Amino acid sequence: MNTRSKSSDTASLAPGTPLNGALLVLAAGLFWGTTGTAQSFSDAALSPYWVGALRLLVAAVFFLAYAAWHLGAARLRHELSALCWKQAIWAGACMAGYNLTFFAGVKITGVAVGTALALGSGPIWAGLLQVLSGARPAWGWWLGTLLAVGGGVLLVFGRGGDVQADPLGIGLCLASGLCYALYALINKQLVHRTSPAVTTLGVFSVGAVLALPAAGLQAGALQITPSGWLVVGFLGVAATGIAYLLFTTGLRSISAASGVSLALMEPVTAFLLAILIVGERPDAPAYAGLAALLAGLLIVIRAETRRPA
């Protein structure tokens, strides 16, 4: 009985193939890309700071329910006690920092500049951090990442939006990209020792505890309508809970830098939803950016699948 249980635990932590990991992260990007469309249905009274904090809280509750169902109460308690909480606290702080700096930066610079800087800088930060850690990404990763980042910038600006080159806003958006890259690198280490369910539960619980009071200081008392709760619920369960569970599972078999690069699937989904649901009519550069981004992602996947284990 004990042998079978131990074998099951080991199998659940065994990494899959790099291709499977890449596909899981791309699937996470599909869920992340629904964020903007979902927020368009939210009420105007709900501050974006509260959106960022509440979605972390809802996600933490989702991870608790999933982990309890998937692992059982006894194993959940065991894995939580074995979780490296020092790293989980750092990863949670990075996730809270990513949410707060992103929303603050976008508020100052506008959606186009803020999104391009935050999403575009994340993979570059991840590559540089991985170089500093001694695990230099392959040249194919750099080629694919730079192509995908360039395509993502064209995609975002091709959808229109205000351009405001405010130094503080730019700094906050670059900081959000750095926070996300740091989160991915720490998360990569955590998920090799603990199941994805428990890893995400620990990290997002810390993130919610840090983000909620920060949102109160930034935006004042919470003002939310029933429709706002529906939007937050969707963002917390689908666009955050399911998405980061897929992302964390995928990180077991690909590098953190590749995980951050493949997360650029998010603007692809947002672009398609904006056309199909919101009724946007992007300019031609946006379609060129879409093609470049997808080509870059394919190059990153190829580089990752050819990377020595």
C-alpha atoms as a PDB file:
ATOM      1  CA  MET A   1       0.000   0.000   0.000  1.00  0.00           C
ATOM      2  CA  ASN A   2       2.747   2.427   1.006  1.00  0.00           C
ATOM      3  CA  THR A   3       4.879   1.395  -1.957  1.00  0.00           C
ATOM      4  CA  ARG A   4       2.039   2.011  -4.394  1.00  0.00           C
ATOM      5  CA  SER A   5       1.315   5.413  -2.795  1.00  0.00           C
ATOM      6  CA  LYS A   6       4.958   6.431  -2.974  1.00  0.00           C
ATOM      7  CA  SER A   7       5.143   5.296  -6.612  1.00  0.00           C
ATOM      8  CA  SER A   8       2.031   7.351  -7.406  1.00  0.00           C
ATOM      9  CA  ASP A   9       3.542  10.439  -5.755  1.00  0.00           C
ATOM     10  CA  THR A  10       6.743  10.057  -7.768  1.00  0.00           C
ATOM     11  CA  ALA A  11       4.840   9.624 -11.024  1.00  0.00           C
ATOM     12  CA  SER A  12       2.807  12.762 -10.376  1.00  0.00           C
ATOM     13  CA  LEU A  13       6.008  14.788 -10.091  1.00  0.00           C
ATOM     14  CA  ALA A  14       7.736  13.221 -13.097  1.00  0.00           C
ATOM     15  CA  PRO A  15       8.170  15.743 -15.927  1.00  0.00           C
ATOM     16  CA  GLY A  16       6.594  15.062 -19.312  1.00  0.00           C
ATOM     17  CA  THR A  17       8.144  15.721 -22.693  1.00  0.00           C
ATOM     18  CA  PRO A  18       9.185  19.278 -23.649  1.00  0.00           C
ATOM     19  CA  LEU A  19       6.507  19.319 -26.349  1.00  0.00           C
ATOM     20  CA  ASN A  20       3.809  18.440 -23.825  1.00  0.00           C
ATOM     21  CA  GLY A  21       5.095  21.144 -21.499  1.00  0.00           C
ATOM     22  CA  ALA A  22       5.059  23.714 -24.296  1.00  0.00           C
ATOM     23  CA  LEU A  23       1.499  22.783 -25.255  1.00  0.00           C
ATOM     24  CA  LEU A  24       0.354  23.158 -21.635  1.00  0.00           C
ATOM     25  CA  VAL A  25       1.822  26.668 -21.470  1.00  0.00           C
ATOM     26  CA  LEU A  26       0.203  27.583 -24.798  1.00  0.00           C
ATOM     27  CA  ALA A  27      -3.112  26.344 -23.392  1.00  0.00           C
ATOM     28  CA  ALA A  28      -2.542  28.578 -20.356  1.00  0.00           C
ATOM     29  CA  GLY A  29      -2.050  31.478 -22.770  1.00  0.00           C
ATOM     30  CA  LEU A  30      -5.458  30.774 -24.281  1.00  0.00           C
ATOM     31  CA  PHE A  31      -7.055  31.247 -20.858  1.00  0.00           C
ATOM     32  CA  TRP A  32      -4.956  34.339 -20.038  1.00  0.00           C
ATOM     33  CA  GLY A  33      -6.059  35.923 -23.281  1.00  0.00           C
ATOM     34  CA  THR A  34      -9.671  36.029 -22.089  1.00  0.00           C
ATOM     35  CA  THR A  35      -8.801  38.542 -19.352  1.00  0.00           C
ATOM     36  CA  GLY A  36      -9.276  41.733 -21.355  1.00  0.00           C
ATOM     37  CA  THR A  37     -12.554  40.604 -22.936  1.00  0.00           C
ATOM     38  CA  ALA A  38     -13.913  39.509 -19.546  1.00  0.00           C
ATOM     39  CA  GLN A  39     -12.966  42.836 -17.956  1.00  0.00           C
ATOM     40  CA  SER A  40     -14.858  44.698 -20.674  1.00  0.00           C
ATOM     41  CA  PHE A  41     -18.054  43.304 -19.110  1.00  0.00           C
ATOM     42  CA  SER A  42     -17.144  44.534 -15.621  1.00  0.00           C
ATOM     43  CA  ASP A  43     -18.738  47.551 -13.969  1.00  0.00           C
ATOM     44  CA  ALA A  44     -16.833  50.852 -14.037  1.00  0.00           C
ATOM     45  CA  ALA A  45     -16.868  51.165 -10.235  1.00  0.00           C
ATOM     46  CA  LEU A  46     -14.528  48.205  -9.769  1.00  0.00           C
ATOM     47  CA  SER A  47     -10.928  49.411  -9.543  1.00  0.00           C
ATOM     48  CA  PRO A  48      -8.372  47.468 -11.625  1.00  0.00           C
ATOM     49  CA  TYR A  49      -6.255  47.182  -8.477  1.00  0.00           C
ATOM     50  CA  TRP A  50      -9.085  45.286  -6.787  1.00  0.00           C
ATOM     51  CA  VAL A  51      -9.540  43.144  -9.909  1.00  0.00           C
ATOM     52  CA  GLY A  52      -5.902  42.076  -9.698  1.00  0.00           C
ATOM     53  CA  ALA A  53      -6.060  41.346  -5.957  1.00  0.00           C
ATOM     54  CA  LEU A  54      -9.447  39.605  -5.935  1.00  0.00           C
ATOM     55  CA  ARG A  55      -8.551  37.313  -8.813  1.00  0.00           C
ATOM     56  CA  LEU A  56      -5.557  36.109  -6.775  1.00  0.00           C
ATOM     57  CA  LEU A  57      -7.871  35.415  -3.834  1.00  0.00           C
ATOM     58  CA  VAL A  58     -10.404  33.523  -5.965  1.00  0.00           C
ATOM     59  CA  ALA A  59      -7.559  31.576  -7.592  1.00  0.00           C
ATOM     60  CA  ALA A  60      -6.174  30.603  -4.170  1.00  0.00           C
ATOM     61  CA  VAL A  61      -9.596  29.247  -3.156  1.00  0.00           C
ATOM     62  CA  PHE A  62      -9.783  27.366  -6.460  1.00  0.00           C
ATOM     63  CA  PHE A  63      -6.339  25.808  -5.882  1.00  0.00           C
ATOM     64  CA  LEU A  64      -7.337  24.760  -2.351  1.00  0.00           C
ATOM     65  CA  ALA A  65     -10.486  23.039  -3.613  1.00  0.00           C
ATOM     66  CA  TYR A  66      -8.630  21.380  -6.498  1.00  0.00           C
ATOM     67  CA  ALA A  67      -5.728  20.208  -4.330  1.00  0.00           C
ATOM     68  CA  ALA A  68      -8.070  18.773  -1.690  1.00  0.00           C
ATOM     69  CA  TRP A  69     -10.046  16.905  -4.350  1.00  0.00           C
ATOM     70  CA  HIS A  70      -7.026  15.736  -6.356  1.00  0.00           C
ATOM     71  CA  LEU A  71      -4.674  14.809  -3.512  1.00  0.00           C
ATOM     72  CA  GLY A  72      -6.926  14.109  -0.541  1.00  0.00           C
ATOM     73  CA  ALA A  73      -6.708  15.802   2.851  1.00  0.00           C
ATOM     74  CA  ALA A  74      -3.835  13.694   4.249  1.00  0.00           C
ATOM     75  CA  ARG A  75      -1.526  14.092   1.258  1.00  0.00           C
ATOM     76  CA  LEU A  76      -2.403  17.787   0.955  1.00  0.00           C
ATOM     77  CA  ARG A  77      -1.327  18.400   4.548  1.00  0.00           C
ATOM     78  CA  HIS A  78       1.875  16.442   3.952  1.00  0.00           C
ATOM     79  CA  GLU A  79       2.804  18.362   0.788  1.00  0.00           C
ATOM     80  CA  LEU A  80       1.986  21.730   2.344  1.00  0.00           C
ATOM     81  CA  SER A  81       4.310  20.933   5.242  1.00  0.00           C
ATOM     82  CA  ALA A  82       7.014  19.849   2.779  1.00  0.00           C
ATOM     83  CA  LEU A  83       6.613  22.926   0.550  1.00  0.00           C
ATOM     84  CA  CYS A  84       9.628  25.242   0.563  1.00  0.00           C
ATOM     85  CA  TRP A  85       7.739  28.193   2.013  1.00  0.00           C
ATOM     86  CA  LYS A  86      10.679  30.569   1.692  1.00  0.00           C
ATOM     87  CA  GLN A  87      10.592  30.177  -2.086  1.00  0.00           C
ATOM     88  CA  ALA A  88       6.774  30.154  -2.117  1.00  0.00           C
ATOM     89  CA  ILE A  89       6.737  33.490  -0.289  1.00  0.00           C
ATOM     90  CA  TRP A  90       9.172  34.971  -2.795  1.00  0.00           C
ATOM     91  CA  ALA A  91       7.127  33.636  -5.722  1.00  0.00           C
ATOM     92  CA  GLY A  92       3.899  34.925  -4.154  1.00  0.00           C
ATOM     93  CA  ALA A  93       5.476  38.342  -3.616  1.00  0.00           C
ATOM     94  CA  CYS A  94       6.525  38.386  -7.276  1.00  0.00           C
ATOM     95  CA  MET A  95       2.997  37.472  -8.372  1.00  0.00           C
ATOM     96  CA  ALA A  96       1.479  40.197  -6.194  1.00  0.00           C
ATOM     97  CA  GLY A  97       4.088  42.649  -7.485  1.00  0.00           C
ATOM     98  CA  TYR A  98       3.327  41.668 -11.072  1.00  0.00           C
ATOM     99  CA  ASN A  99      -0.400  42.314 -10.638  1.00  0.00           C
ATOM    100  CA  LEU A 100       0.000  45.653  -8.872  1.00  0.00           C
ATOM    101  CA  THR A 101       2.765  47.104 -11.062  1.00  0.00           C
ATOM    102  CA  PHE A 102       1.032  45.970 -14.253  1.00  0.00           C
ATOM    103  CA  PHE A 103      -2.298  47.605 -13.430  1.00  0.00           C
ATOM    104  CA  ALA A 104      -0.579  50.745 -12.110  1.00  0.00           C
ATOM    105  CA  GLY A 105       1.631  50.973 -15.206  1.00  0.00           C
ATOM    106  CA  VAL A 106      -1.252  50.459 -17.625  1.00  0.00           C
ATOM    107  CA  LYS A 107      -3.269  53.130 -15.828  1.00  0.00           C
ATOM    108  CA  ILE A 108      -0.457  55.651 -16.441  1.00  0.00           C
ATOM    109  CA  THR A 109       0.759  54.672 -19.924  1.00  0.00           C
ATOM    110  CA  GLY A 110      -2.437  53.380 -21.484  1.00  0.00           C
ATOM    111  CA  VAL A 111      -3.327  49.823 -22.483  1.00  0.00           C
ATOM    112  CA  ALA A 112      -1.218  49.659 -25.661  1.00  0.00           C
ATOM    113  CA  VAL A 113       2.097  50.840 -24.201  1.00  0.00           C
ATOM    114  CA  GLY A 114       1.594  49.101 -20.869  1.00  0.00           C
ATOM    115  CA  THR A 115       0.695  45.725 -22.336  1.00  0.00           C
ATOM    116  CA  ALA A 116       3.496  45.840 -24.905  1.00  0.00           C
ATOM    117  CA  LEU A 117       6.119  46.709 -22.282  1.00  0.00           C
ATOM    118  CA  ALA A 118       4.933  44.232 -19.655  1.00  0.00           C
ATOM    119  CA  LEU A 119       4.439  41.249 -21.969  1.00  0.00           C
ATOM    120  CA  GLY A 120       7.427  42.081 -24.161  1.00  0.00           C
ATOM    121  CA  SER A 121       9.923  42.622 -21.371  1.00  0.00           C
ATOM    122  CA  GLY A 122       9.016  39.442 -19.455  1.00  0.00           C
ATOM    123  CA  PRO A 123      10.741  36.971 -21.816  1.00  0.00           C
ATOM    124  CA  ILE A 124      13.806  39.220 -22.137  1.00  0.00           C
ATOM    125  CA  TRP A 125      14.102  39.469 -18.347  1.00  0.00           C
ATOM    126  CA  ALA A 126      13.684  35.679 -18.089  1.00  0.00           C
ATOM    127  CA  GLY A 127      16.447  35.055 -20.635  1.00  0.00           C
ATOM    128  CA  LEU A 128      18.853  37.434 -18.889  1.00  0.00           C
ATOM    129  CA  LEU A 129      18.070  35.954 -15.462  1.00  0.00           C
ATOM    130  CA  GLN A 130      18.616  32.452 -16.801  1.00  0.00           C
ATOM    131  CA  VAL A 131      21.992  33.536 -18.204  1.00  0.00           C
ATOM    132  CA  LEU A 132      22.937  34.880 -14.766  1.00  0.00           C
ATOM    133  CA  SER A 133      21.944  31.538 -13.213  1.00  0.00           C
ATOM    134  CA  GLY A 134      24.328  29.723 -15.559  1.00  0.00           C
ATOM    135  CA  ALA A 135      21.709  28.112 -17.840  1.00  0.00           C
ATOM    136  CA  ARG A 136      22.163  30.064 -21.071  1.00  0.00           C
ATOM    137  CA  PRO A 137      19.201  29.742 -23.492  1.00  0.00           C
ATOM    138  CA  ALA A 138      19.974  28.435 -26.987  1.00  0.00           C
ATOM    139  CA  TRP A 139      20.317  30.858 -29.890  1.00  0.00           C
ATOM    140  CA  GLY A 140      17.064  29.487 -31.294  1.00  0.00           C
ATOM    141  CA  TRP A 141      15.298  30.604 -28.118  1.00  0.00           C
ATOM    142  CA  TRP A 142      16.628  34.146 -28.525  1.00  0.00           C
ATOM    143  CA  LEU A 143      15.644  34.253 -32.194  1.00  0.00           C
ATOM    144  CA  GLY A 144      12.126  32.970 -31.540  1.00  0.00           C
ATOM    145  CA  THR A 145      11.645  35.139 -28.466  1.00  0.00           C
ATOM    146  CA  LEU A 146      12.754  38.367 -30.141  1.00  0.00           C
ATOM    147  CA  LEU A 147      10.552  37.592 -33.152  1.00  0.00           C
ATOM    148  CA  ALA A 148       7.580  36.826 -30.892  1.00  0.00           C
ATOM    149  CA  VAL A 149       8.155  39.963 -28.778  1.00  0.00           C
ATOM    150  CA  GLY A 150       8.401  42.140 -31.886  1.00  0.00           C
ATOM    151  CA  GLY A 151       5.267  40.550 -33.277  1.00  0.00           C
ATOM    152  CA  GLY A 152       3.492  41.053 -29.959  1.00  0.00           C
ATOM    153  CA  VAL A 153       4.352  44.770 -29.981  1.00  0.00           C
ATOM    154  CA  LEU A 154       2.957  45.137 -33.517  1.00  0.00           C
ATOM    155  CA  LEU A 155      -0.118  43.160 -32.510  1.00  0.00           C
ATOM    156  CA  VAL A 156      -0.846  45.384 -29.502  1.00  0.00           C
ATOM    157  CA  PHE A 157      -0.230  48.721 -31.212  1.00  0.00           C
ATOM    158  CA  GLY A 158      -2.104  47.593 -34.317  1.00  0.00           C
ATOM    159  CA  ARG A 159      -5.254  47.323 -32.183  1.00  0.00           C
ATOM    160  CA  GLY A 160      -5.067  51.030 -31.386  1.00  0.00           C
ATOM    161  CA  GLY A 161      -5.065  52.768 -28.036  1.00  0.00           C
ATOM    162  CA  ASP A 162      -3.546  55.805 -26.398  1.00  0.00           C
ATOM    163  CA  VAL A 163       0.245  56.149 -26.432  1.00  0.00           C
ATOM    164  CA  GLN A 164       1.591  57.853 -23.311  1.00  0.00           C
ATOM    165  CA  ALA A 165       5.357  57.655 -22.785  1.00  0.00           C
ATOM    166  CA  ASP A 166       5.341  58.448 -19.077  1.00  0.00           C
ATOM    167  CA  PRO A 167       8.655  57.471 -17.382  1.00  0.00           C
ATOM    168  CA  LEU A 168       6.969  56.259 -14.192  1.00  0.00           C
ATOM    169  CA  GLY A 169       4.454  54.176 -16.119  1.00  0.00           C
ATOM    170  CA  ILE A 170       7.181  52.699 -18.309  1.00  0.00           C
ATOM    171  CA  GLY A 171       9.205  51.805 -15.222  1.00  0.00           C
ATOM    172  CA  LEU A 172       6.220  50.128 -13.584  1.00  0.00           C
ATOM    173  CA  CYS A 173       5.462  48.059 -16.703  1.00  0.00           C
ATOM    174  CA  LEU A 174       9.090  46.956 -16.998  1.00  0.00           C
ATOM    175  CA  ALA A 175       8.999  46.073 -13.293  1.00  0.00           C
ATOM    176  CA  SER A 176       5.902  43.946 -13.879  1.00  0.00           C
ATOM    177  CA  GLY A 177       7.754  42.007 -16.593  1.00  0.00           C
ATOM    178  CA  LEU A 178      10.677  41.464 -14.207  1.00  0.00           C
ATOM    179  CA  CYS A 179       8.334  40.292 -11.431  1.00  0.00           C
ATOM    180  CA  TYR A 180       6.734  37.785 -13.788  1.00  0.00           C
ATOM    181  CA  ALA A 181      10.107  36.445 -14.952  1.00  0.00           C
ATOM    182  CA  LEU A 182      11.273  36.038 -11.349  1.00  0.00           C
ATOM    183  CA  TYR A 183       8.010  34.277 -10.469  1.00  0.00           C
ATOM    184  CA  ALA A 184       8.513  31.787 -13.318  1.00  0.00           C
ATOM    185  CA  LEU A 185      12.112  31.024 -12.321  1.00  0.00           C
ATOM    186  CA  ILE A 186      11.197  30.423  -8.664  1.00  0.00           C
ATOM    187  CA  ASN A 187       8.082  28.479  -9.619  1.00  0.00           C
ATOM    188  CA  LYS A 188      10.205  26.229 -11.832  1.00  0.00           C
ATOM    189  CA  GLN A 189      12.265  25.235  -8.783  1.00  0.00           C
ATOM    190  CA  LEU A 190       9.210  24.691  -6.582  1.00  0.00           C
ATOM    191  CA  VAL A 191       7.305  22.470  -8.991  1.00  0.00           C
ATOM    192  CA  HIS A 192      10.158  19.981  -9.250  1.00  0.00           C
ATOM    193  CA  ARG A 193       9.712  19.115  -5.562  1.00  0.00           C
ATOM    194  CA  THR A 194       5.988  19.645  -5.012  1.00  0.00           C
ATOM    195  CA  SER A 195       2.894  18.898  -7.076  1.00  0.00           C
ATOM    196  CA  PRO A 196       1.561  21.733  -9.286  1.00  0.00           C
ATOM    197  CA  ALA A 197      -1.644  21.897  -7.216  1.00  0.00           C
ATOM    198  CA  VAL A 198       0.197  22.531  -3.946  1.00  0.00           C
ATOM    199  CA  THR A 199       2.771  24.818  -5.556  1.00  0.00           C
ATOM    200  CA  THR A 200       0.085  27.081  -6.982  1.00  0.00           C
ATOM    201  CA  LEU A 201      -1.907  26.943  -3.738  1.00  0.00           C
ATOM    202  CA  GLY A 202       1.057  28.113  -1.680  1.00  0.00           C
ATOM    203  CA  VAL A 203       2.205  30.799  -4.121  1.00  0.00           C
ATOM    204  CA  PHE A 204      -1.198  32.329  -4.809  1.00  0.00           C
ATOM    205  CA  SER A 205      -2.233  32.268  -1.158  1.00  0.00           C
ATOM    206  CA  VAL A 206       0.829  34.372  -0.358  1.00  0.00           C
ATOM    207  CA  GLY A 207       0.129  36.607  -3.380  1.00  0.00           C
ATOM    208  CA  ALA A 208      -3.463  37.231  -2.269  1.00  0.00           C
ATOM    209  CA  VAL A 209      -2.439  38.037   1.318  1.00  0.00           C
ATOM    210  CA  LEU A 210       0.004  40.649   0.004  1.00  0.00           C
ATOM    211  CA  ALA A 211      -2.133  42.053  -2.816  1.00  0.00           C
ATOM    212  CA  LEU A 212      -5.414  42.614  -0.943  1.00  0.00           C
ATOM    213  CA  PRO A 213      -4.183  45.233   1.558  1.00  0.00           C
ATOM    214  CA  ALA A 214      -2.093  46.855  -1.198  1.00  0.00           C
ATOM    215  CA  ALA A 215      -5.232  47.198  -3.344  1.00  0.00           C
ATOM    216  CA  GLY A 216      -7.037  48.820  -0.409  1.00  0.00           C
ATOM    217  CA  LEU A 217      -4.241  51.377  -0.040  1.00  0.00           C
ATOM    218  CA  GLN A 218      -4.156  52.106  -3.785  1.00  0.00           C
ATOM    219  CA  ALA A 219      -7.888  52.154  -4.576  1.00  0.00           C
ATOM    220  CA  GLY A 220      -9.674  52.664  -1.271  1.00  0.00           C
ATOM    221  CA  ALA A 221     -12.615  50.600  -0.060  1.00  0.00           C
ATOM    222  CA  LEU A 222     -13.913  47.840  -2.299  1.00  0.00           C
ATOM    223  CA  GLN A 223     -16.902  48.816  -4.452  1.00  0.00           C
ATOM    224  CA  ILE A 224     -18.260  45.934  -6.491  1.00  0.00           C
ATOM    225  CA  THR A 225     -21.588  44.941  -8.019  1.00  0.00           C
ATOM    226  CA  PRO A 226     -22.934  41.417  -8.678  1.00  0.00           C
ATOM    227  CA  SER A 227     -21.728  41.663 -12.299  1.00  0.00           C
ATOM    228  CA  GLY A 228     -18.303  42.597 -10.968  1.00  0.00           C
ATOM    229  CA  TRP A 229     -18.237  39.463  -8.829  1.00  0.00           C
ATOM    230  CA  LEU A 230     -19.119  37.379 -11.894  1.00  0.00           C
ATOM    231  CA  VAL A 231     -16.193  38.868 -13.800  1.00  0.00           C
ATOM    232  CA  VAL A 232     -13.818  38.397 -10.856  1.00  0.00           C
ATOM    233  CA  GLY A 233     -15.055  34.840 -10.433  1.00  0.00           C
ATOM    234  CA  PHE A 234     -14.334  34.027 -14.069  1.00  0.00           C
ATOM    235  CA  LEU A 235     -10.923  35.692 -13.939  1.00  0.00           C
ATOM    236  CA  GLY A 236     -10.017  33.895 -10.727  1.00  0.00           C
ATOM    237  CA  VAL A 237     -11.103  30.405 -11.782  1.00  0.00           C
ATOM    238  CA  ALA A 238     -10.457  30.312 -15.542  1.00  0.00           C
ATOM    239  CA  ALA A 239      -8.028  33.084 -16.479  1.00  0.00           C
ATOM    240  CA  THR A 240      -5.931  32.613 -13.319  1.00  0.00           C
ATOM    241  CA  GLY A 241      -6.691  29.290 -11.609  1.00  0.00           C
ATOM    242  CA  ILE A 242      -6.856  26.902 -14.556  1.00  0.00           C
ATOM    243  CA  ALA A 243      -4.312  28.933 -16.526  1.00  0.00           C
ATOM    244  CA  TYR A 244      -1.611  28.913 -13.849  1.00  0.00           C
ATOM    245  CA  LEU A 245      -2.237  25.269 -13.041  1.00  0.00           C
ATOM    246  CA  LEU A 246      -1.506  24.487 -16.707  1.00  0.00           C
ATOM    247  CA  PHE A 247       1.496  26.846 -16.725  1.00  0.00           C
ATOM    248  CA  THR A 248       2.995  25.399 -13.547  1.00  0.00           C
ATOM    249  CA  THR A 249       2.533  21.828 -14.784  1.00  0.00           C
ATOM    250  CA  GLY A 250       4.178  22.749 -18.091  1.00  0.00           C
ATOM    251  CA  LEU A 251       7.202  24.231 -16.287  1.00  0.00           C
ATOM    252  CA  ARG A 252       8.158  20.752 -15.077  1.00  0.00           C
ATOM    253  CA  SER A 253       9.383  19.836 -18.554  1.00  0.00           C
ATOM    254  CA  ILE A 254      10.508  23.131 -20.144  1.00  0.00           C
ATOM    255  CA  SER A 255      12.815  25.938 -19.055  1.00  0.00           C
ATOM    256  CA  ALA A 256      11.408  28.929 -17.198  1.00  0.00           C
ATOM    257  CA  ALA A 257      12.598  31.228 -19.993  1.00  0.00           C
ATOM    258  CA  SER A 258      10.683  29.224 -22.589  1.00  0.00           C
ATOM    259  CA  GLY A 259       7.624  29.225 -20.329  1.00  0.00           C
ATOM    260  CA  VAL A 260       7.630  33.022 -20.173  1.00  0.00           C
ATOM    261  CA  SER A 261       8.158  33.294 -23.942  1.00  0.00           C
ATOM    262  CA  LEU A 262       5.346  30.867 -24.763  1.00  0.00           C
ATOM    263  CA  ALA A 263       3.060  32.865 -22.467  1.00  0.00           C
ATOM    264  CA  LEU A 264       2.976  35.353 -25.369  1.00  0.00           C
ATOM    265  CA  MET A 265       0.117  33.194 -26.627  1.00  0.00           C
ATOM    266  CA  GLU A 266      -1.970  35.483 -24.409  1.00  0.00           C
ATOM    267  CA  PRO A 267      -2.115  38.471 -26.821  1.00  0.00           C
ATOM    268  CA  VAL A 268      -2.961  36.096 -29.680  1.00  0.00           C
ATOM    269  CA  THR A 269      -6.100  34.961 -27.867  1.00  0.00           C
ATOM    270  CA  ALA A 270      -6.956  38.513 -26.821  1.00  0.00           C
ATOM    271  CA  PHE A 271      -6.565  39.663 -30.436  1.00  0.00           C
ATOM    272  CA  LEU A 272      -8.904  36.987 -31.793  1.00  0.00           C
ATOM    273  CA  LEU A 273     -11.513  37.549 -29.078  1.00  0.00           C
ATOM    274  CA  ALA A 274     -11.423  41.304 -29.683  1.00  0.00           C
ATOM    275  CA  ILE A 275     -12.315  40.685 -33.325  1.00  0.00           C
ATOM    276  CA  LEU A 276     -14.926  37.975 -32.773  1.00  0.00           C
ATOM    277  CA  ILE A 277     -16.663  39.276 -29.630  1.00  0.00           C
ATOM    278  CA  VAL A 278     -15.855  42.952 -29.134  1.00  0.00           C
ATOM    279  CA  GLY A 279     -15.999  43.774 -32.868  1.00  0.00           C
ATOM    280  CA  GLU A 280     -12.589  45.461 -33.188  1.00  0.00           C
ATOM    281  CA  ARG A 281     -11.134  46.043 -36.644  1.00  0.00           C
ATOM    282  CA  PRO A 282      -7.334  46.055 -36.250  1.00  0.00           C
ATOM    283  CA  ASP A 283      -4.975  47.654 -38.747  1.00  0.00           C
ATOM    284  CA  ALA A 284      -2.755  45.668 -41.124  1.00  0.00           C
ATOM    285  CA  PRO A 285       0.356  45.864 -38.842  1.00  0.00           C
ATOM    286  CA  ALA A 286      -1.573  43.902 -36.226  1.00  0.00           C
ATOM    287  CA  TYR A 287      -1.992  40.967 -38.613  1.00  0.00           C
ATOM    288  CA  ALA A 288       1.713  41.143 -39.515  1.00  0.00           C
ATOM    289  CA  GLY A 289       2.473  41.094 -35.790  1.00  0.00           C
ATOM    290  CA  LEU A 290       0.218  38.063 -35.355  1.00  0.00           C
ATOM    291  CA  ALA A 291       2.134  36.157 -38.031  1.00  0.00           C
ATOM    292  CA  ALA A 292       5.519  37.123 -36.551  1.00  0.00           C
ATOM    293  CA  LEU A 293       4.408  36.198 -33.025  1.00  0.00           C
ATOM    294  CA  LEU A 294       3.161  32.764 -34.041  1.00  0.00           C
ATOM    295  CA  ALA A 295       6.344  32.121 -36.043  1.00  0.00           C
ATOM    296  CA  GLY A 296       8.423  33.122 -33.020  1.00  0.00           C
ATOM    297  CA  LEU A 297       6.505  30.761 -30.745  1.00  0.00           C
ATOM    298  CA  LEU A 298       7.100  27.883 -33.158  1.00  0.00           C
ATOM    299  CA  ILE A 299      10.848  28.633 -33.148  1.00  0.00           C
ATOM    300  CA  VAL A 300      10.877  28.703 -29.333  1.00  0.00           C
ATOM    301  CA  ILE A 301       9.090  25.333 -29.220  1.00  0.00           C
ATOM    302  CA  ARG A 302      11.577  23.864 -31.709  1.00  0.00           C
ATOM    303  CA  ALA A 303      14.518  25.174 -29.655  1.00  0.00           C
ATOM    304  CA  GLU A 304      13.007  23.781 -26.457  1.00  0.00           C
ATOM    305  CA  THR A 305      12.358  20.307 -27.888  1.00  0.00           C
ATOM    306  CA  ARG A 306      15.950  20.145 -29.171  1.00  0.00           C
ATOM    307  CA  ARG A 307      17.455  21.364 -25.877  1.00  0.00           C
ATOM    308  CA  PRO A 308      19.595  18.767 -24.062  1.00  0.00           C
ATOM    309  CA  ALA A 309      17.857  17.436 -20.950  1.00  0.00           C
END
